[in-house]
């Protein structure tokens, strides 16, 4: 970090007119000052500041109005708009401080500006990369699982399951369940139910009670053989 540059200036913490979100967002940005590092996406800043991405946008505007953050737009040689460059200051600039409460702001040393470059669209930060990997892994598991029902719930359950086991274990167990000779499609568990029950640890299904299948399966086969009229007679219609 640049010499003399406070991560969060004292006056900002003591000034009740500065929102807590703005302080946290400033701290997230300032923690990377002087390191010549590419800062993470707003989603990662939101994670560090304990707020939403929308709140990060509001906080950046507040910090600009305070005069401690200057946003510089960048345009590529081809005319494409690139991510913004941020310059931080540990005290408000004179032109931006007008109309902003200063009663709590003690004199500070000369401002130190630290350029921070936001990640370009061609780059992916760790958070976004992990999210993309998780989405890709789910699609692999979804292809392997034998029943395609309630995909949204399955995706949520899959993310939870990854906290307990690995993607490889989930895919291998889904394939084993799919190919189990004792599995009956009509009684296959819904994807989310299978994941929530931690069924990847179940092992092979028990062998069917009789060569002809279960009682329910034998009844289904019998009704199919009777035809529509036979089914009505069987059911007493």
C-alpha atoms as a PDB file:
ATOM      1  CA  UNK A   1       0.000   0.000   0.000  1.00  0.00           C
ATOM      2  CA  UNK A   2       1.307   3.476  -0.786  1.00  0.00           C
ATOM      3  CA  UNK A   3       3.076   5.173   2.151  1.00  0.00           C
ATOM      4  CA  UNK A   4       0.772   7.429   4.158  1.00  0.00           C
ATOM      5  CA  UNK A   5      -2.428   6.131   2.556  1.00  0.00           C
ATOM      6  CA  UNK A   6      -4.971   4.950   5.128  1.00  0.00           C
ATOM      7  CA  UNK A   7      -7.197   2.079   4.102  1.00  0.00           C
ATOM      8  CA  UNK A   8     -10.192   3.873   5.635  1.00  0.00           C
ATOM      9  CA  UNK A   9      -9.543   7.485   6.750  1.00  0.00           C
ATOM     10  CA  UNK A  10     -10.517   8.307  10.335  1.00  0.00           C
ATOM     11  CA  UNK A  11     -12.774  11.193   9.333  1.00  0.00           C
ATOM     12  CA  UNK A  12     -14.812   8.881   7.099  1.00  0.00           C
ATOM     13  CA  UNK A  13     -15.485   6.494   9.983  1.00  0.00           C
ATOM     14  CA  UNK A  14     -16.463   9.335  12.354  1.00  0.00           C
ATOM     15  CA  UNK A  15     -18.665  11.246   9.923  1.00  0.00           C
ATOM     16  CA  UNK A  16     -22.266   9.987  10.460  1.00  0.00           C
ATOM     17  CA  UNK A  17     -23.232  11.252   7.007  1.00  0.00           C
ATOM     18  CA  UNK A  18     -21.057   8.613   5.328  1.00  0.00           C
ATOM     19  CA  UNK A  19     -22.959   5.362   4.975  1.00  0.00           C
ATOM     20  CA  UNK A  20     -21.554   2.118   6.364  1.00  0.00           C
ATOM     21  CA  UNK A  21     -21.761   0.570   2.894  1.00  0.00           C
ATOM     22  CA  UNK A  22     -19.655   3.350   1.384  1.00  0.00           C
ATOM     23  CA  UNK A  23     -17.034   2.841   4.108  1.00  0.00           C
ATOM     24  CA  UNK A  24     -16.902  -0.901   3.449  1.00  0.00           C
ATOM     25  CA  UNK A  25     -16.681  -0.444  -0.330  1.00  0.00           C
ATOM     26  CA  UNK A  26     -13.918   2.158   0.091  1.00  0.00           C
ATOM     27  CA  UNK A  27     -12.051  -0.254   2.359  1.00  0.00           C
ATOM     28  CA  UNK A  28     -12.361  -3.044  -0.209  1.00  0.00           C
ATOM     29  CA  UNK A  29     -10.919  -0.809  -2.927  1.00  0.00           C
ATOM     30  CA  UNK A  30      -8.228   0.753  -0.729  1.00  0.00           C
ATOM     31  CA  UNK A  31      -7.009  -2.638   0.469  1.00  0.00           C
ATOM     32  CA  UNK A  32      -5.646  -3.155  -3.045  1.00  0.00           C
ATOM     33  CA  UNK A  33      -4.071   0.298  -3.338  1.00  0.00           C
ATOM     34  CA  UNK A  34      -0.390   0.450  -4.191  1.00  0.00           C
ATOM     35  CA  UNK A  35      -0.239  -3.203  -5.109  1.00  0.00           C
ATOM     36  CA  UNK A  36      -0.690  -2.530  -8.822  1.00  0.00           C
ATOM     37  CA  UNK A  37      -3.203  -5.355  -8.798  1.00  0.00           C
ATOM     38  CA  UNK A  38      -6.305  -5.759 -10.921  1.00  0.00           C
ATOM     39  CA  UNK A  39      -9.288  -5.341  -8.625  1.00  0.00           C
ATOM     40  CA  UNK A  40     -12.081  -7.929  -8.614  1.00  0.00           C
ATOM     41  CA  UNK A  41     -15.527  -7.546 -10.088  1.00  0.00           C
ATOM     42  CA  UNK A  42     -18.299  -5.669  -8.322  1.00  0.00           C
ATOM     43  CA  UNK A  43     -19.710  -9.025  -7.270  1.00  0.00           C
ATOM     44  CA  UNK A  44     -16.534  -9.746  -5.322  1.00  0.00           C
ATOM     45  CA  UNK A  45     -16.496  -6.232  -3.850  1.00  0.00           C
ATOM     46  CA  UNK A  46     -20.091  -6.822  -2.764  1.00  0.00           C
ATOM     47  CA  UNK A  47     -18.999 -10.029  -1.051  1.00  0.00           C
ATOM     48  CA  UNK A  48     -16.209  -8.237   0.800  1.00  0.00           C
ATOM     49  CA  UNK A  49     -18.427  -5.254   1.685  1.00  0.00           C
ATOM     50  CA  UNK A  50     -21.252  -7.534   2.864  1.00  0.00           C
ATOM     51  CA  UNK A  51     -23.801  -5.955   0.548  1.00  0.00           C
ATOM     52  CA  UNK A  52     -25.497  -6.416  -2.826  1.00  0.00           C
ATOM     53  CA  UNK A  53     -23.982  -5.516  -6.196  1.00  0.00           C
ATOM     54  CA  UNK A  54     -26.572  -2.754  -6.548  1.00  0.00           C
ATOM     55  CA  UNK A  55     -25.498  -1.344  -3.183  1.00  0.00           C
ATOM     56  CA  UNK A  56     -21.900  -1.275  -4.453  1.00  0.00           C
ATOM     57  CA  UNK A  57     -23.015   0.942  -7.351  1.00  0.00           C
ATOM     58  CA  UNK A  58     -24.814   3.317  -4.968  1.00  0.00           C
ATOM     59  CA  UNK A  59     -21.796   3.390  -2.648  1.00  0.00           C
ATOM     60  CA  UNK A  60     -19.417   4.227  -5.517  1.00  0.00           C
ATOM     61  CA  UNK A  61     -21.637   7.173  -6.458  1.00  0.00           C
ATOM     62  CA  UNK A  62     -21.638   8.314  -2.838  1.00  0.00           C
ATOM     63  CA  UNK A  63     -17.846   8.077  -2.679  1.00  0.00           C
ATOM     64  CA  UNK A  64     -17.543  10.052  -5.908  1.00  0.00           C
ATOM     65  CA  UNK A  65     -19.788  12.757  -4.462  1.00  0.00           C
ATOM     66  CA  UNK A  66     -17.617  12.824  -1.338  1.00  0.00           C
ATOM     67  CA  UNK A  67     -14.603  13.377  -3.549  1.00  0.00           C
ATOM     68  CA  UNK A  68     -12.599  10.379  -2.327  1.00  0.00           C
ATOM     69  CA  UNK A  69     -13.122   8.295  -5.474  1.00  0.00           C
ATOM     70  CA  UNK A  70     -12.649   9.497  -9.025  1.00  0.00           C
ATOM     71  CA  UNK A  71     -13.907   7.274 -11.810  1.00  0.00           C
ATOM     72  CA  UNK A  72     -12.144   7.557 -15.169  1.00  0.00           C
ATOM     73  CA  UNK A  73     -13.797   5.997 -18.184  1.00  0.00           C
ATOM     74  CA  UNK A  74     -11.521   4.146 -20.604  1.00  0.00           C
ATOM     75  CA  UNK A  75     -12.053   3.538 -24.313  1.00  0.00           C
ATOM     76  CA  UNK A  76     -10.083   1.033 -26.373  1.00  0.00           C
ATOM     77  CA  UNK A  77      -8.416   1.896 -29.676  1.00  0.00           C
ATOM     78  CA  UNK A  78     -11.359   0.291 -31.431  1.00  0.00           C
ATOM     79  CA  UNK A  79     -13.837   2.506 -29.620  1.00  0.00           C
ATOM     80  CA  UNK A  80     -15.097  -0.185 -27.240  1.00  0.00           C
ATOM     81  CA  UNK A  81     -15.859   0.855 -23.692  1.00  0.00           C
ATOM     82  CA  UNK A  82     -13.555  -0.737 -21.135  1.00  0.00           C
ATOM     83  CA  UNK A  83     -13.896  -1.038 -17.376  1.00  0.00           C
ATOM     84  CA  UNK A  84     -13.377   2.120 -15.361  1.00  0.00           C
ATOM     85  CA  UNK A  85     -10.169   3.204 -13.673  1.00  0.00           C
ATOM     86  CA  UNK A  86     -10.531   4.376 -10.085  1.00  0.00           C
ATOM     87  CA  UNK A  87      -8.318   6.864  -8.270  1.00  0.00           C
ATOM     88  CA  UNK A  88      -8.670   7.040  -4.487  1.00  0.00           C
ATOM     89  CA  UNK A  89      -7.912   9.907  -2.132  1.00  0.00           C
ATOM     90  CA  UNK A  90      -7.778   9.779   1.665  1.00  0.00           C
ATOM     91  CA  UNK A  91      -9.517  13.174   1.978  1.00  0.00           C
ATOM     92  CA  UNK A  92     -12.253  14.902  -0.045  1.00  0.00           C
ATOM     93  CA  UNK A  93     -11.163  17.024  -2.972  1.00  0.00           C
ATOM     94  CA  UNK A  94     -12.040  20.671  -2.465  1.00  0.00           C
ATOM     95  CA  UNK A  95     -14.410  20.897  -5.424  1.00  0.00           C
ATOM     96  CA  UNK A  96     -16.354  17.810  -4.338  1.00  0.00           C
ATOM     97  CA  UNK A  97     -16.520  18.637  -0.639  1.00  0.00           C
ATOM     98  CA  UNK A  98     -18.957  21.522  -1.153  1.00  0.00           C
ATOM     99  CA  UNK A  99     -22.285  20.770   0.467  1.00  0.00           C
ATOM    100  CA  UNK A 100     -20.878  17.762   2.320  1.00  0.00           C
ATOM    101  CA  UNK A 101     -20.689  17.817   6.094  1.00  0.00           C
ATOM    102  CA  UNK A 102     -17.125  18.352   7.287  1.00  0.00           C
ATOM    103  CA  UNK A 103     -17.573  19.014  10.988  1.00  0.00           C
ATOM    104  CA  UNK A 104     -16.125  15.607  11.875  1.00  0.00           C
ATOM    105  CA  UNK A 105     -13.216  15.788   9.500  1.00  0.00           C
ATOM    106  CA  UNK A 106      -9.922  16.533  11.202  1.00  0.00           C
ATOM    107  CA  UNK A 107      -7.063  17.918   9.126  1.00  0.00           C
ATOM    108  CA  UNK A 108      -5.221  15.139   7.339  1.00  0.00           C
ATOM    109  CA  UNK A 109      -1.991  14.925   5.475  1.00  0.00           C
ATOM    110  CA  UNK A 110      -1.703  15.576   1.765  1.00  0.00           C
ATOM    111  CA  UNK A 111      -3.913  13.227  -0.195  1.00  0.00           C
ATOM    112  CA  UNK A 112      -2.333  10.219  -1.799  1.00  0.00           C
ATOM    113  CA  UNK A 113      -3.964   8.901  -4.950  1.00  0.00           C
ATOM    114  CA  UNK A 114      -3.690   5.269  -5.918  1.00  0.00           C
ATOM    115  CA  UNK A 115      -4.818   4.138  -9.384  1.00  0.00           C
ATOM    116  CA  UNK A 116      -6.866   0.973  -9.417  1.00  0.00           C
ATOM    117  CA  UNK A 117      -7.836  -0.770 -12.644  1.00  0.00           C
ATOM    118  CA  UNK A 118     -11.067  -2.735 -12.679  1.00  0.00           C
ATOM    119  CA  UNK A 119     -11.003  -6.091 -14.390  1.00  0.00           C
ATOM    120  CA  UNK A 120     -11.589  -5.971 -18.164  1.00  0.00           C
ATOM    121  CA  UNK A 121     -14.413  -7.924 -19.749  1.00  0.00           C
ATOM    122  CA  UNK A 122     -11.818 -10.292 -21.215  1.00  0.00           C
ATOM    123  CA  UNK A 123     -10.658 -11.279 -17.743  1.00  0.00           C
ATOM    124  CA  UNK A 124     -12.484 -13.378 -15.188  1.00  0.00           C
ATOM    125  CA  UNK A 125     -11.916 -13.080 -11.465  1.00  0.00           C
ATOM    126  CA  UNK A 126     -11.765 -16.016  -9.096  1.00  0.00           C
ATOM    127  CA  UNK A 127     -15.346 -15.653  -7.908  1.00  0.00           C
ATOM    128  CA  UNK A 128     -16.833 -15.569 -11.403  1.00  0.00           C
ATOM    129  CA  UNK A 129     -14.584 -18.427 -12.515  1.00  0.00           C
ATOM    130  CA  UNK A 130     -15.706 -20.592  -9.612  1.00  0.00           C
ATOM    131  CA  UNK A 131     -19.358 -19.845 -10.370  1.00  0.00           C
ATOM    132  CA  UNK A 132     -18.901 -20.746 -14.041  1.00  0.00           C
ATOM    133  CA  UNK A 133     -17.131 -23.968 -13.083  1.00  0.00           C
ATOM    134  CA  UNK A 134     -19.962 -24.888 -10.729  1.00  0.00           C
ATOM    135  CA  UNK A 135     -22.559 -24.277 -13.477  1.00  0.00           C
ATOM    136  CA  UNK A 136     -20.544 -26.360 -15.944  1.00  0.00           C
ATOM    137  CA  UNK A 137     -20.195 -29.183 -13.400  1.00  0.00           C
ATOM    138  CA  UNK A 138     -23.937 -29.216 -12.761  1.00  0.00           C
ATOM    139  CA  UNK A 139     -24.673 -29.641 -16.464  1.00  0.00           C
ATOM    140  CA  UNK A 140     -22.358 -32.665 -16.550  1.00  0.00           C
ATOM    141  CA  UNK A 141     -24.169 -34.188 -13.597  1.00  0.00           C
ATOM    142  CA  UNK A 142     -27.575 -33.340 -15.081  1.00  0.00           C
ATOM    143  CA  UNK A 143     -26.713 -35.205 -18.289  1.00  0.00           C
ATOM    144  CA  UNK A 144     -25.755 -38.282 -16.274  1.00  0.00           C
ATOM    145  CA  UNK A 145     -28.802 -38.378 -14.000  1.00  0.00           C
ATOM    146  CA  UNK A 146     -31.594 -40.617 -15.344  1.00  0.00           C
ATOM    147  CA  UNK A 147     -34.576 -38.331 -14.599  1.00  0.00           C
ATOM    148  CA  UNK A 148     -34.857 -34.790 -15.939  1.00  0.00           C
ATOM    149  CA  UNK A 149     -37.339 -33.059 -13.611  1.00  0.00           C
ATOM    150  CA  UNK A 150     -37.308 -29.707 -11.758  1.00  0.00           C
ATOM    151  CA  UNK A 151     -33.925 -28.548 -13.018  1.00  0.00           C
ATOM    152  CA  UNK A 152     -33.929 -25.343 -10.982  1.00  0.00           C
ATOM    153  CA  UNK A 153     -34.391 -27.165  -7.692  1.00  0.00           C
ATOM    154  CA  UNK A 154     -31.803 -29.708  -8.757  1.00  0.00           C
ATOM    155  CA  UNK A 155     -29.250 -26.964  -9.443  1.00  0.00           C
ATOM    156  CA  UNK A 156     -29.745 -25.508  -5.959  1.00  0.00           C
ATOM    157  CA  UNK A 157     -29.474 -28.945  -4.356  1.00  0.00           C
ATOM    158  CA  UNK A 158     -26.358 -29.685  -6.399  1.00  0.00           C
ATOM    159  CA  UNK A 159     -24.574 -26.585  -5.078  1.00  0.00           C
ATOM    160  CA  UNK A 160     -25.419 -27.673  -1.546  1.00  0.00           C
ATOM    161  CA  UNK A 161     -24.191 -31.199  -2.237  1.00  0.00           C
ATOM    162  CA  UNK A 162     -20.822 -29.849  -3.420  1.00  0.00           C
ATOM    163  CA  UNK A 163     -20.203 -28.678   0.150  1.00  0.00           C
ATOM    164  CA  UNK A 164     -20.394 -32.301   1.290  1.00  0.00           C
ATOM    165  CA  UNK A 165     -18.742 -34.218  -1.529  1.00  0.00           C
ATOM    166  CA  UNK A 166     -17.008 -33.746  -4.880  1.00  0.00           C
ATOM    167  CA  UNK A 167     -18.357 -33.316  -8.392  1.00  0.00           C
ATOM    168  CA  UNK A 168     -16.655 -36.562  -9.450  1.00  0.00           C
ATOM    169  CA  UNK A 169     -18.435 -38.537  -6.726  1.00  0.00           C
ATOM    170  CA  UNK A 170     -21.810 -37.058  -7.715  1.00  0.00           C
ATOM    171  CA  UNK A 171     -21.380 -37.871 -11.404  1.00  0.00           C
ATOM    172  CA  UNK A 172     -20.110 -41.393 -10.742  1.00  0.00           C
ATOM    173  CA  UNK A 173     -23.015 -42.093  -8.370  1.00  0.00           C
ATOM    174  CA  UNK A 174     -25.543 -40.674 -10.862  1.00  0.00           C
ATOM    175  CA  UNK A 175     -24.198 -42.952 -13.601  1.00  0.00           C
ATOM    176  CA  UNK A 176     -24.291 -45.971 -11.275  1.00  0.00           C
ATOM    177  CA  UNK A 177     -27.874 -45.161 -10.318  1.00  0.00           C
ATOM    178  CA  UNK A 178     -28.830 -44.681 -13.964  1.00  0.00           C
ATOM    179  CA  UNK A 179     -27.341 -48.024 -15.021  1.00  0.00           C
ATOM    180  CA  UNK A 180     -28.514 -50.021 -11.991  1.00  0.00           C
ATOM    181  CA  UNK A 181     -30.495 -53.010 -13.389  1.00  0.00           C
ATOM    182  CA  UNK A 182     -32.835 -52.876 -10.408  1.00  0.00           C
ATOM    183  CA  UNK A 183     -33.842 -49.248 -10.979  1.00  0.00           C
ATOM    184  CA  UNK A 184     -37.380 -48.709 -12.242  1.00  0.00           C
ATOM    185  CA  UNK A 185     -37.915 -45.472 -14.168  1.00  0.00           C
ATOM    186  CA  UNK A 186     -41.368 -44.953 -12.663  1.00  0.00           C
ATOM    187  CA  UNK A 187     -39.850 -44.972  -9.173  1.00  0.00           C
ATOM    188  CA  UNK A 188     -36.670 -43.028  -9.933  1.00  0.00           C
ATOM    189  CA  UNK A 189     -36.070 -40.263  -7.418  1.00  0.00           C
ATOM    190  CA  UNK A 190     -36.398 -36.661  -8.505  1.00  0.00           C
ATOM    191  CA  UNK A 191     -32.941 -35.113  -8.963  1.00  0.00           C
ATOM    192  CA  UNK A 192     -33.254 -32.650  -6.073  1.00  0.00           C
ATOM    193  CA  UNK A 193     -34.597 -35.358  -3.765  1.00  0.00           C
ATOM    194  CA  UNK A 194     -31.700 -37.658  -4.661  1.00  0.00           C
ATOM    195  CA  UNK A 195     -29.186 -34.899  -3.892  1.00  0.00           C
ATOM    196  CA  UNK A 196     -30.852 -33.686  -0.703  1.00  0.00           C
ATOM    197  CA  UNK A 197     -30.996 -37.258   0.605  1.00  0.00           C
ATOM    198  CA  UNK A 198     -27.231 -37.664  -0.030  1.00  0.00           C
ATOM    199  CA  UNK A 199     -28.156 -40.705  -2.095  1.00  0.00           C
ATOM    200  CA  UNK A 200     -24.720 -40.808  -3.689  1.00  0.00           C
ATOM    201  CA  UNK A 201     -23.738 -42.929  -0.670  1.00  0.00           C
ATOM    202  CA  UNK A 202     -26.594 -45.425  -1.060  1.00  0.00           C
ATOM    203  CA  UNK A 203     -24.818 -47.974  -3.226  1.00  0.00           C
ATOM    204  CA  UNK A 204     -26.626 -50.445  -5.532  1.00  0.00           C
ATOM    205  CA  UNK A 205     -30.383 -50.870  -5.293  1.00  0.00           C
ATOM    206  CA  UNK A 206     -31.733 -54.085  -3.748  1.00  0.00           C
ATOM    207  CA  UNK A 207     -32.619 -56.871  -6.147  1.00  0.00           C
ATOM    208  CA  UNK A 208     -36.243 -57.072  -7.216  1.00  0.00           C
ATOM    209  CA  UNK A 209     -38.409 -59.418  -5.191  1.00  0.00           C
ATOM    210  CA  UNK A 210     -39.365 -61.686  -8.102  1.00  0.00           C
ATOM    211  CA  UNK A 211     -38.241 -62.304 -11.704  1.00  0.00           C
ATOM    212  CA  UNK A 212     -41.479 -60.770 -12.892  1.00  0.00           C
ATOM    213  CA  UNK A 213     -40.808 -57.544 -11.035  1.00  0.00           C
ATOM    214  CA  UNK A 214     -42.623 -56.021  -8.091  1.00  0.00           C
ATOM    215  CA  UNK A 215     -46.354 -56.430  -7.496  1.00  0.00           C
ATOM    216  CA  UNK A 216     -46.954 -52.952  -8.871  1.00  0.00           C
ATOM    217  CA  UNK A 217     -44.933 -53.715 -12.015  1.00  0.00           C
ATOM    218  CA  UNK A 218     -46.792 -57.014 -12.548  1.00  0.00           C
ATOM    219  CA  UNK A 219     -50.121 -55.203 -12.207  1.00  0.00           C
ATOM    220  CA  UNK A 220     -49.012 -52.549 -14.710  1.00  0.00           C
ATOM    221  CA  UNK A 221     -47.978 -55.241 -17.190  1.00  0.00           C
ATOM    222  CA  UNK A 222     -51.255 -57.082 -16.744  1.00  0.00           C
ATOM    223  CA  UNK A 223     -53.326 -53.953 -17.324  1.00  0.00           C
ATOM    224  CA  UNK A 224     -51.348 -53.113 -20.450  1.00  0.00           C
ATOM    225  CA  UNK A 225     -52.084 -56.600 -21.797  1.00  0.00           C
ATOM    226  CA  UNK A 226     -55.801 -56.320 -21.166  1.00  0.00           C
ATOM    227  CA  UNK A 227     -56.341 -53.303 -23.384  1.00  0.00           C
ATOM    228  CA  UNK A 228     -58.759 -50.444 -22.712  1.00  0.00           C
ATOM    229  CA  UNK A 229     -61.905 -52.607 -22.432  1.00  0.00           C
ATOM    230  CA  UNK A 230     -60.175 -55.144 -20.249  1.00  0.00           C
ATOM    231  CA  UNK A 231     -58.922 -52.430 -17.922  1.00  0.00           C
ATOM    232  CA  UNK A 232     -62.471 -51.086 -17.521  1.00  0.00           C
ATOM    233  CA  UNK A 233     -63.761 -54.572 -16.702  1.00  0.00           C
ATOM    234  CA  UNK A 234     -60.888 -55.115 -14.284  1.00  0.00           C
ATOM    235  CA  UNK A 235     -61.618 -51.873 -12.501  1.00  0.00           C
ATOM    236  CA  UNK A 236     -65.343 -52.529 -12.473  1.00  0.00           C
ATOM    237  CA  UNK A 237     -66.146 -49.503 -14.662  1.00  0.00           C
END
